[in-house]
PDB file of N, CA and C in Angstrom:
ATOM      1  N   MET A   1      22.418  12.798  13.597  1.00  0.00           N
ATOM      2  CA  MET A   1      21.148  12.355  13.070  1.00  0.00           C
ATOM      3  C   MET A   1      20.964  10.866  13.395  1.00  0.00           C
ATOM      4  N   THR A   2      19.809  10.510  13.898  1.00  0.00           N
ATOM      5  CA  THR A   2      19.505   9.131  14.261  1.00  0.00           C
ATOM      6  C   THR A   2      18.862   8.430  13.068  1.00  0.00           C
ATOM      7  N   THR A   3      19.298   7.203  12.820  1.00  0.00           N
ATOM      8  CA  THR A   3      18.692   6.402  11.758  1.00  0.00           C
ATOM      9  C   THR A   3      17.452   5.722  12.312  1.00  0.00           C
ATOM     10  N   LEU A   4      16.335   5.911  11.621  1.00  0.00           N
ATOM     11  CA  LEU A   4      15.088   5.281  12.041  1.00  0.00           C
ATOM     12  C   LEU A   4      15.101   3.793  11.730  1.00  0.00           C
ATOM     13  N   THR A   5      14.407   3.047  12.551  1.00  0.00           N
ATOM     14  CA  THR A   5      14.153   1.648  12.214  1.00  0.00           C
ATOM     15  C   THR A   5      12.931   1.628  11.301  1.00  0.00           C
ATOM     16  N   PRO A   6      12.697   0.540  10.575  1.00  0.00           N
ATOM     17  CA  PRO A   6      11.490   0.471   9.743  1.00  0.00           C
ATOM     18  C   PRO A   6      10.210   0.685  10.549  1.00  0.00           C
ATOM     19  N   VAL A   7      10.149   0.175  11.765  1.00  0.00           N
ATOM     20  CA  VAL A   7       8.955   0.348  12.607  1.00  0.00           C
ATOM     21  C   VAL A   7       8.764   1.825  12.951  1.00  0.00           C
ATOM     22  N   GLN A   8       9.846   2.504  13.311  1.00  0.00           N
ATOM     23  CA  GLN A   8       9.760   3.936  13.611  1.00  0.00           C
ATOM     24  C   GLN A   8       9.333   4.724  12.372  1.00  0.00           C
ATOM     25  N   PHE A   9       9.870   4.361  11.217  1.00  0.00           N
ATOM     26  CA  PHE A   9       9.508   5.052   9.984  1.00  0.00           C
ATOM     27  C   PHE A   9       8.020   4.896   9.717  1.00  0.00           C
ATOM     28  N   ARG A  10       7.505   3.665   9.831  1.00  0.00           N
ATOM     29  CA  ARG A  10       6.071   3.428   9.609  1.00  0.00           C
ATOM     30  C   ARG A  10       5.231   4.204  10.614  1.00  0.00           C
ATOM     31  N   SER A  11       5.683   4.272  11.857  1.00  0.00           N
ATOM     32  CA  SER A  11       4.941   4.995  12.887  1.00  0.00           C
ATOM     33  C   SER A  11       4.835   6.487  12.574  1.00  0.00           C
ATOM     34  N   THR A  12       5.894   7.051  12.020  1.00  0.00           N
ATOM     35  CA  THR A  12       5.875   8.488  11.730  1.00  0.00           C
ATOM     36  C   THR A  12       5.235   8.816  10.386  1.00  0.00           C
ATOM     37  N   HIS A  13       5.179   7.864   9.463  1.00  0.00           N
ATOM     38  CA  HIS A  13       4.653   8.133   8.124  1.00  0.00           C
ATOM     39  C   HIS A  13       3.246   7.581   7.885  1.00  0.00           C
ATOM     40  N   GLY A  14       2.685   6.882   8.846  1.00  0.00           N
ATOM     41  CA  GLY A  14       1.311   6.405   8.707  1.00  0.00           C
ATOM     42  C   GLY A  14       1.170   5.223   7.756  1.00  0.00           C
ATOM     43  N   ASP A  15      -0.016   5.082   7.221  1.00  0.00           N
ATOM     44  CA  ASP A  15      -0.383   3.950   6.376  1.00  0.00           C
ATOM     45  C   ASP A  15       0.462   3.914   5.097  1.00  0.00           C
ATOM     46  N   PRO A  16       1.188   2.820   4.843  1.00  0.00           N
ATOM     47  CA  PRO A  16       2.027   2.727   3.648  1.00  0.00           C
ATOM     48  C   PRO A  16       1.257   2.917   2.339  1.00  0.00           C
ATOM     49  N   VAL A  17      -0.036   2.676   2.351  1.00  0.00           N
ATOM     50  CA  VAL A  17      -0.833   2.856   1.133  1.00  0.00           C
ATOM     51  C   VAL A  17      -0.800   4.310   0.670  1.00  0.00           C
ATOM     52  N   THR A  18      -0.610   5.232   1.590  1.00  0.00           N
ATOM     53  CA  THR A  18      -0.608   6.660   1.246  1.00  0.00           C
ATOM     54  C   THR A  18       0.785   7.213   0.975  1.00  0.00           C
ATOM     55  N   TRP A  19       1.816   6.383   1.065  1.00  0.00           N
ATOM     56  CA  TRP A  19       3.181   6.857   0.891  1.00  0.00           C
ATOM     57  C   TRP A  19       3.460   7.253  -0.545  1.00  0.00           C
ATOM     58  N   THR A  20       4.323   8.219  -0.690  1.00  0.00           N
ATOM     59  CA  THR A  20       4.811   8.622  -2.007  1.00  0.00           C
ATOM     60  C   THR A  20       5.947   7.682  -2.416  1.00  0.00           C
ATOM     61  N   SER A  21       6.382   7.821  -3.643  1.00  0.00           N
ATOM     62  CA  SER A  21       7.526   7.024  -4.101  1.00  0.00           C
ATOM     63  C   SER A  21       8.767   7.317  -3.261  1.00  0.00           C
ATOM     64  N   ALA A  22       8.947   8.570  -2.894  1.00  0.00           N
ATOM     65  CA  ALA A  22      10.101   8.943  -2.065  1.00  0.00           C
ATOM     66  C   ALA A  22      10.012   8.276  -0.691  1.00  0.00           C
ATOM     67  N   ASP A  23       8.791   8.217  -0.124  1.00  0.00           N
ATOM     68  CA  ASP A  23       8.614   7.537   1.159  1.00  0.00           C
ATOM     69  C   ASP A  23       8.987   6.061   1.034  1.00  0.00           C
ATOM     70  N   LEU A  24       8.514   5.421  -0.036  1.00  0.00           N
ATOM     71  CA  LEU A  24       8.819   4.003  -0.239  1.00  0.00           C
ATOM     72  C   LEU A  24      10.318   3.781  -0.373  1.00  0.00           C
ATOM     73  N   ASP A  25      10.975   4.659  -1.131  1.00  0.00           N
ATOM     74  CA  ASP A  25      12.424   4.537  -1.299  1.00  0.00           C
ATOM     75  C   ASP A  25      13.147   4.733   0.039  1.00  0.00           C
ATOM     76  N   SER A  26      12.710   5.728   0.813  1.00  0.00           N
ATOM     77  CA  SER A  26      13.326   5.972   2.118  1.00  0.00           C
ATOM     78  C   SER A  26      13.132   4.782   3.041  1.00  0.00           C
ATOM     79  N   TYR A  27      11.932   4.238   3.027  1.00  0.00           N
ATOM     80  CA  TYR A  27      11.647   3.069   3.857  1.00  0.00           C
ATOM     81  C   TYR A  27      12.569   1.910   3.489  1.00  0.00           C
ATOM     82  N   GLU A  28      12.757   1.696   2.192  1.00  0.00           N
ATOM     83  CA  GLU A  28      13.639   0.605   1.764  1.00  0.00           C
ATOM     84  C   GLU A  28      15.069   0.824   2.241  1.00  0.00           C
ATOM     85  N   VAL A  29      15.525   2.071   2.254  1.00  0.00           N
ATOM     86  CA  VAL A  29      16.868   2.352   2.749  1.00  0.00           C
ATOM     87  C   VAL A  29      16.962   1.982   4.230  1.00  0.00           C
ATOM     88  N   PHE A  30      15.979   2.416   5.019  1.00  0.00           N
ATOM     89  CA  PHE A  30      15.993   2.069   6.445  1.00  0.00           C
ATOM     90  C   PHE A  30      15.862   0.567   6.639  1.00  0.00           C
ATOM     91  N   ALA A  31      15.046  -0.065   5.835  1.00  0.00           N
ATOM     92  CA  ALA A  31      14.867  -1.510   5.955  1.00  0.00           C
ATOM     93  C   ALA A  31      16.145  -2.247   5.553  1.00  0.00           C
ATOM     94  N   ASP A  32      16.846  -1.736   4.528  1.00  0.00           N
ATOM     95  CA  ASP A  32      18.129  -2.342   4.145  1.00  0.00           C
ATOM     96  C   ASP A  32      19.110  -2.279   5.308  1.00  0.00           C
ATOM     97  N   ILE A  33      19.123  -1.136   5.968  1.00  0.00           N
ATOM     98  CA  ILE A  33      20.003  -0.964   7.119  1.00  0.00           C
ATOM     99  C   ILE A  33      19.614  -1.950   8.214  1.00  0.00           C
ATOM    100  N   ASP A  34      18.310  -2.209   8.340  1.00  0.00           N
ATOM    101  CA  ASP A  34      17.788  -3.079   9.395  1.00  0.00           C
ATOM    102  C   ASP A  34      17.637  -4.519   8.917  1.00  0.00           C
ATOM    103  N   LYS A  35      18.423  -4.924   7.933  1.00  0.00           N
ATOM    104  CA  LYS A  35      18.434  -6.298   7.412  1.00  0.00           C
ATOM    105  C   LYS A  35      17.108  -6.688   6.750  1.00  0.00           C
ATOM    106  N   LEU A  36      16.784  -5.946   5.736  1.00  0.00           N
ATOM    107  CA  LEU A  36      15.596  -6.221   4.936  1.00  0.00           C
ATOM    108  C   LEU A  36      15.709  -7.598   4.300  1.00  0.00           C
ATOM    109  N   PRO A  37      14.583  -8.258   4.036  1.00  0.00           N
ATOM    110  CA  PRO A  37      14.645  -9.553   3.354  1.00  0.00           C
ATOM    111  C   PRO A  37      15.365  -9.432   2.001  1.00  0.00           C
ATOM    112  N   PRO A  38      15.807 -10.540   1.453  1.00  0.00           N
ATOM    113  CA  PRO A  38      16.505 -10.514   0.169  1.00  0.00           C
ATOM    114  C   PRO A  38      15.655  -9.867  -0.927  1.00  0.00           C
ATOM    115  N   LEU A  39      16.343  -9.396  -1.949  1.00  0.00           N
ATOM    116  CA  LEU A  39      15.689  -8.718  -3.067  1.00  0.00           C
ATOM    117  C   LEU A  39      14.557  -9.546  -3.643  1.00  0.00           C
ATOM    118  N   TYR A  40      14.766 -10.842  -3.830  1.00  0.00           N
ATOM    119  CA  TYR A  40      13.720 -11.683  -4.421  1.00  0.00           C
ATOM    120  C   TYR A  40      12.449 -11.656  -3.570  1.00  0.00           C
ATOM    121  N   VAL A  41      12.595 -11.705  -2.265  1.00  0.00           N
ATOM    122  CA  VAL A  41      11.430 -11.684  -1.370  1.00  0.00           C
ATOM    123  C   VAL A  41      10.699 -10.349  -1.492  1.00  0.00           C
ATOM    124  N   ARG A  42      11.454  -9.246  -1.492  1.00  0.00           N
ATOM    125  CA  ARG A  42      10.830  -7.921  -1.644  1.00  0.00           C
ATOM    126  C   ARG A  42      10.135  -7.801  -2.995  1.00  0.00           C
ATOM    127  N   TYR A  43      10.760  -8.333  -4.025  1.00  0.00           N
ATOM    128  CA  TYR A  43      10.188  -8.312  -5.372  1.00  0.00           C
ATOM    129  C   TYR A  43       8.868  -9.080  -5.409  1.00  0.00           C
ATOM    130  N   MET A  44       8.838 -10.257  -4.797  1.00  0.00           N
ATOM    131  CA  MET A  44       7.605 -11.059  -4.779  1.00  0.00           C
ATOM    132  C   MET A  44       6.516 -10.395  -3.933  1.00  0.00           C
ATOM    133  N   GLN A  45       6.909  -9.767  -2.825  1.00  0.00           N
ATOM    134  CA  GLN A  45       5.936  -9.047  -1.999  1.00  0.00           C
ATOM    135  C   GLN A  45       5.355  -7.859  -2.766  1.00  0.00           C
ATOM    136  N   ALA A  46       6.206  -7.160  -3.491  1.00  0.00           N
ATOM    137  CA  ALA A  46       5.737  -6.025  -4.287  1.00  0.00           C
ATOM    138  C   ALA A  46       4.832  -6.492  -5.424  1.00  0.00           C
ATOM    139  N   ALA A  47       5.157  -7.627  -6.021  1.00  0.00           N
ATOM    140  CA  ALA A  47       4.310  -8.177  -7.092  1.00  0.00           C
ATOM    141  C   ALA A  47       2.929  -8.503  -6.541  1.00  0.00           C
ATOM    142  N   LYS A  48       2.893  -9.112  -5.370  1.00  0.00           N
ATOM    143  CA  LYS A  48       1.607  -9.460  -4.757  1.00  0.00           C
ATOM    144  C   LYS A  48       0.813  -8.202  -4.412  1.00  0.00           C
ATOM    145  N   ALA A  49       1.476  -7.201  -3.845  1.00  0.00           N
ATOM    146  CA  ALA A  49       0.794  -5.954  -3.490  1.00  0.00           C
ATOM    147  C   ALA A  49       0.237  -5.266  -4.735  1.00  0.00           C
ATOM    148  N   SER A  50       1.014  -5.235  -5.801  1.00  0.00           N
ATOM    149  CA  SER A  50       0.570  -4.612  -7.045  1.00  0.00           C
ATOM    150  C   SER A  50      -0.621  -5.347  -7.639  1.00  0.00           C
ATOM    151  N   THR A  51      -0.540  -6.663  -7.695  1.00  0.00           N
ATOM    152  CA  THR A  51      -1.631  -7.466  -8.246  1.00  0.00           C
ATOM    153  C   THR A  51      -2.887  -7.347  -7.395  1.00  0.00           C
ATOM    154  N   THR A  52      -2.727  -7.418  -6.089  1.00  0.00           N
ATOM    155  CA  THR A  52      -3.871  -7.304  -5.184  1.00  0.00           C
ATOM    156  C   THR A  52      -4.558  -5.958  -5.346  1.00  0.00           C
ATOM    157  N   HIS A  53      -3.760  -4.894  -5.414  1.00  0.00           N
ATOM    158  CA  HIS A  53      -4.344  -3.566  -5.581  1.00  0.00           C
ATOM    159  C   HIS A  53      -5.043  -3.451  -6.936  1.00  0.00           C
ATOM    160  N   ARG A  54      -4.360  -3.857  -7.987  1.00  0.00           N
ATOM    161  CA  ARG A  54      -4.935  -3.739  -9.335  1.00  0.00           C
ATOM    162  C   ARG A  54      -6.236  -4.544  -9.450  1.00  0.00           C
ATOM    163  N   ASP A  55      -6.283  -5.716  -8.854  1.00  0.00           N
ATOM    164  CA  ASP A  55      -7.496  -6.537  -8.910  1.00  0.00           C
ATOM    165  C   ASP A  55      -8.674  -5.877  -8.203  1.00  0.00           C
ATOM    166  N   ALA A  56      -8.394  -5.087  -7.158  1.00  0.00           N
ATOM    167  CA  ALA A  56      -9.463  -4.479  -6.366  1.00  0.00           C
ATOM    168  C   ALA A  56      -9.795  -3.047  -6.783  1.00  0.00           C
ATOM    169  N   CYS A  57      -8.972  -2.447  -7.633  1.00  0.00           N
ATOM    170  CA  CYS A  57      -9.121  -1.017  -7.950  1.00  0.00           C
ATOM    171  C   CYS A  57      -9.556  -0.830  -9.401  1.00  0.00           C
ATOM    172  N   THR A  58     -10.752  -0.348  -9.599  1.00  0.00           N
ATOM    173  CA  THR A  58     -11.239  -0.137 -10.972  1.00  0.00           C
ATOM    174  C   THR A  58     -10.449   0.952 -11.683  1.00  0.00           C
ATOM    175  N   ALA A  59      -9.952   1.942 -10.929  1.00  0.00           N
ATOM    176  CA  ALA A  59      -9.177   3.025 -11.543  1.00  0.00           C
ATOM    177  C   ALA A  59      -7.849   2.525 -12.109  1.00  0.00           C
ATOM    178  N   CYS A  60      -7.316   1.458 -11.540  1.00  0.00           N
ATOM    179  CA  CYS A  60      -6.032   0.934 -11.994  1.00  0.00           C
ATOM    180  C   CYS A  60      -6.181  -0.079 -13.143  1.00  0.00           C
ATOM    181  N   GLN A  61      -7.370  -0.263 -13.640  1.00  0.00           N
ATOM    182  CA  GLN A  61      -7.582  -1.197 -14.746  1.00  0.00           C
ATOM    183  C   GLN A  61      -7.154  -0.593 -16.081  1.00  0.00           C
ATOM    184  N   GLY A  62      -7.136   0.726 -16.169  1.00  0.00           N
ATOM    185  CA  GLY A  62      -6.755   1.400 -17.407  1.00  0.00           C
ATOM    186  C   GLY A  62      -5.257   1.596 -17.511  1.00  0.00           C
ATOM    187  N   SER A  63      -4.865   2.517 -18.360  1.00  0.00           N
ATOM    188  CA  SER A  63      -3.438   2.745 -18.597  1.00  0.00           C
ATOM    189  C   SER A  63      -2.792   3.604 -17.513  1.00  0.00           C
ATOM    190  N   GLN A  64      -3.594   4.387 -16.773  1.00  0.00           N
ATOM    191  CA  GLN A  64      -3.061   5.238 -15.715  1.00  0.00           C
ATOM    192  C   GLN A  64      -3.539   4.738 -14.358  1.00  0.00           C
ATOM    193  N   PRO A  65      -2.625   4.438 -13.428  1.00  0.00           N
ATOM    194  CA  PRO A  65      -3.037   3.966 -12.108  1.00  0.00           C
ATOM    195  C   PRO A  65      -3.622   5.106 -11.270  1.00  0.00           C
ATOM    196  N   CYS A  66      -4.329   4.738 -10.228  1.00  0.00           N
ATOM    197  CA  CYS A  66      -4.879   5.717  -9.292  1.00  0.00           C
ATOM    198  C   CYS A  66      -3.740   6.298  -8.440  1.00  0.00           C
ATOM    199  N   PRO A  67      -4.003   7.370  -7.690  1.00  0.00           N
ATOM    200  CA  PRO A  67      -2.955   7.972  -6.857  1.00  0.00           C
ATOM    201  C   PRO A  67      -2.365   7.010  -5.822  1.00  0.00           C
ATOM    202  N   VAL A  68      -3.163   6.108  -5.302  1.00  0.00           N
ATOM    203  CA  VAL A  68      -2.662   5.139  -4.322  1.00  0.00           C
ATOM    204  C   VAL A  68      -1.906   4.019  -5.034  1.00  0.00           C
ATOM    205  N   GLY A  69      -2.452   3.541  -6.130  1.00  0.00           N
ATOM    206  CA  GLY A  69      -1.845   2.423  -6.853  1.00  0.00           C
ATOM    207  C   GLY A  69      -0.558   2.775  -7.563  1.00  0.00           C
ATOM    208  N   GLY A  70      -0.419   4.020  -7.988  1.00  0.00           N
ATOM    209  CA  GLY A  70       0.782   4.428  -8.719  1.00  0.00           C
ATOM    210  C   GLY A  70       2.071   4.060  -8.008  1.00  0.00           C
ATOM    211  N   PRO A  71       2.242   4.501  -6.742  1.00  0.00           N
ATOM    212  CA  PRO A  71       3.476   4.140  -6.027  1.00  0.00           C
ATOM    213  C   PRO A  71       3.629   2.635  -5.808  1.00  0.00           C
ATOM    214  N   VAL A  72       2.516   1.950  -5.588  1.00  0.00           N
ATOM    215  CA  VAL A  72       2.565   0.495  -5.383  1.00  0.00           C
ATOM    216  C   VAL A  72       3.076  -0.184  -6.646  1.00  0.00           C
ATOM    217  N   HIS A  73       2.525   0.209  -7.793  1.00  0.00           N
ATOM    218  CA  HIS A  73       2.921  -0.400  -9.070  1.00  0.00           C
ATOM    219  C   HIS A  73       4.350  -0.011  -9.461  1.00  0.00           C
ATOM    220  N   ARG A  74       4.717   1.250  -9.197  1.00  0.00           N
ATOM    221  CA  ARG A  74       6.085   1.692  -9.526  1.00  0.00           C
ATOM    222  C   ARG A  74       7.117   0.961  -8.678  1.00  0.00           C
ATOM    223  N   ARG A  75       6.793   0.705  -7.409  1.00  0.00           N
ATOM    224  CA  ARG A  75       7.723  -0.041  -6.549  1.00  0.00           C
ATOM    225  C   ARG A  75       7.932  -1.447  -7.109  1.00  0.00           C
ATOM    226  N   PHE A  76       6.841  -2.086  -7.509  1.00  0.00           N
ATOM    227  CA  PHE A  76       6.958  -3.420  -8.108  1.00  0.00           C
ATOM    228  C   PHE A  76       7.833  -3.364  -9.360  1.00  0.00           C
ATOM    229  N   GLU A  77       7.574  -2.399 -10.227  1.00  0.00           N
ATOM    230  CA  GLU A  77       8.352  -2.294 -11.467  1.00  0.00           C
ATOM    231  C   GLU A  77       9.830  -2.054 -11.172  1.00  0.00           C
ATOM    232  N   ARG A  78      10.110  -1.193 -10.187  1.00  0.00           N
ATOM    233  CA  ARG A  78      11.502  -0.899  -9.847  1.00  0.00           C
ATOM    234  C   ARG A  78      12.205  -2.129  -9.282  1.00  0.00           C
ATOM    235  N   LEU A  79      11.525  -2.854  -8.384  1.00  0.00           N
ATOM    236  CA  LEU A  79      12.124  -4.060  -7.819  1.00  0.00           C
ATOM    237  C   LEU A  79      12.277  -5.154  -8.873  1.00  0.00           C
ATOM    238  N   GLN A  80      11.325  -5.225  -9.788  1.00  0.00           N
ATOM    239  CA  GLN A  80      11.433  -6.202 -10.878  1.00  0.00           C
ATOM    240  C   GLN A  80      12.663  -5.892 -11.734  1.00  0.00           C
ATOM    241  N   ASP A  81      12.825  -4.622 -12.091  1.00  0.00           N
ATOM    242  CA  ASP A  81      13.993  -4.226 -12.886  1.00  0.00           C
ATOM    243  C   ASP A  81      15.298  -4.520 -12.132  1.00  0.00           C
ATOM    244  N   GLU A  82      15.289  -4.235 -10.828  1.00  0.00           N
ATOM    245  CA  GLU A  82      16.484  -4.489 -10.021  1.00  0.00           C
ATOM    246  C   GLU A  82      16.787  -5.986  -9.959  1.00  0.00           C
ATOM    247  N   TYR A  83      15.749  -6.793  -9.779  1.00  0.00           N
ATOM    248  CA  TYR A  83      15.949  -8.230  -9.691  1.00  0.00           C
ATOM    249  C   TYR A  83      16.443  -8.801 -11.026  1.00  0.00           C
ATOM    250  N   VAL A  84      15.817  -8.396 -12.110  1.00  0.00           N
ATOM    251  CA  VAL A  84      16.233  -8.880 -13.440  1.00  0.00           C
ATOM    252  C   VAL A  84      17.678  -8.455 -13.709  1.00  0.00           C
ATOM    253  N   GLY A  85      18.011  -7.211 -13.346  1.00  0.00           N
ATOM    254  CA  GLY A  85      19.383  -6.740 -13.524  1.00  0.00           C
ATOM    255  C   GLY A  85      20.373  -7.545 -12.715  1.00  0.00           C
ATOM    256  N   GLN A  86      19.987  -7.900 -11.499  1.00  0.00           N
ATOM    257  CA  GLN A  86      20.851  -8.724 -10.659  1.00  0.00           C
ATOM    258  C   GLN A  86      21.031 -10.114 -11.268  1.00  0.00           C
ATOM    259  N   GLN A  87      19.967 -10.672 -11.804  1.00  0.00           N
ATOM    260  CA  GLN A  87      20.051 -12.000 -12.414  1.00  0.00           C
ATOM    261  C   GLN A  87      20.983 -11.979 -13.636  1.00  0.00           C
ATOM    262  N   LYS A  88      20.882 -10.932 -14.442  1.00  0.00           N
ATOM    263  CA  LYS A  88      21.754 -10.815 -15.624  1.00  0.00           C
ATOM    264  C   LYS A  88      23.214 -10.674 -15.188  1.00  0.00           C
ATOM    265  N   LYS A  89      23.434  -9.889 -14.124  1.00  0.00           N
ATOM    266  CA  LYS A  89      24.783  -9.676 -13.625  1.00  0.00           C
ATOM    267  C   LYS A  89      25.357 -10.976 -13.055  1.00  0.00           C
ATOM    268  N   ASP A  90      24.551 -11.740 -12.331  1.00  0.00           N
ATOM    269  CA  ASP A  90      24.995 -12.971 -11.708  1.00  0.00           C
ATOM    270  C   ASP A  90      25.073 -14.128 -12.704  1.00  0.00           C
ATOM    271  N   GLY A  91      24.290 -14.028 -13.794  1.00  0.00           N
ATOM    272  CA  GLY A  91      24.192 -15.133 -14.737  1.00  0.00           C
ATOM    273  C   GLY A  91      25.266 -15.123 -15.724  1.00  0.00           C
TER     274      GLY A  91
END
C-alpha cells in the first residue's frame, strides 16, 4: 500500500470544505507523515477556519452547526483539546 502525500490526498478527495471528520483525520495522518506544521500552527489555522466559517454562516450561529461547518468546528475543538493537553503535560 502506498502512502499518499497531502497533495495527493487533496487531489483525490476534492474540496476540504466537503470532507467528513474521518477525511480530516486521515489527512492529518498523511500530513503528519509529510512533516505537518507543529500542533500550535495547526490549532491556530483550525481556529481561524472555524471563526471564518462561523462568521459567514448563518446556520452555524445557533447551537447546531451546518453540515459543512460541523467538521470544521470539530477539528478546531479536537486540536484545541490536543494542544491544551500537550501544554498540561509539558507544564
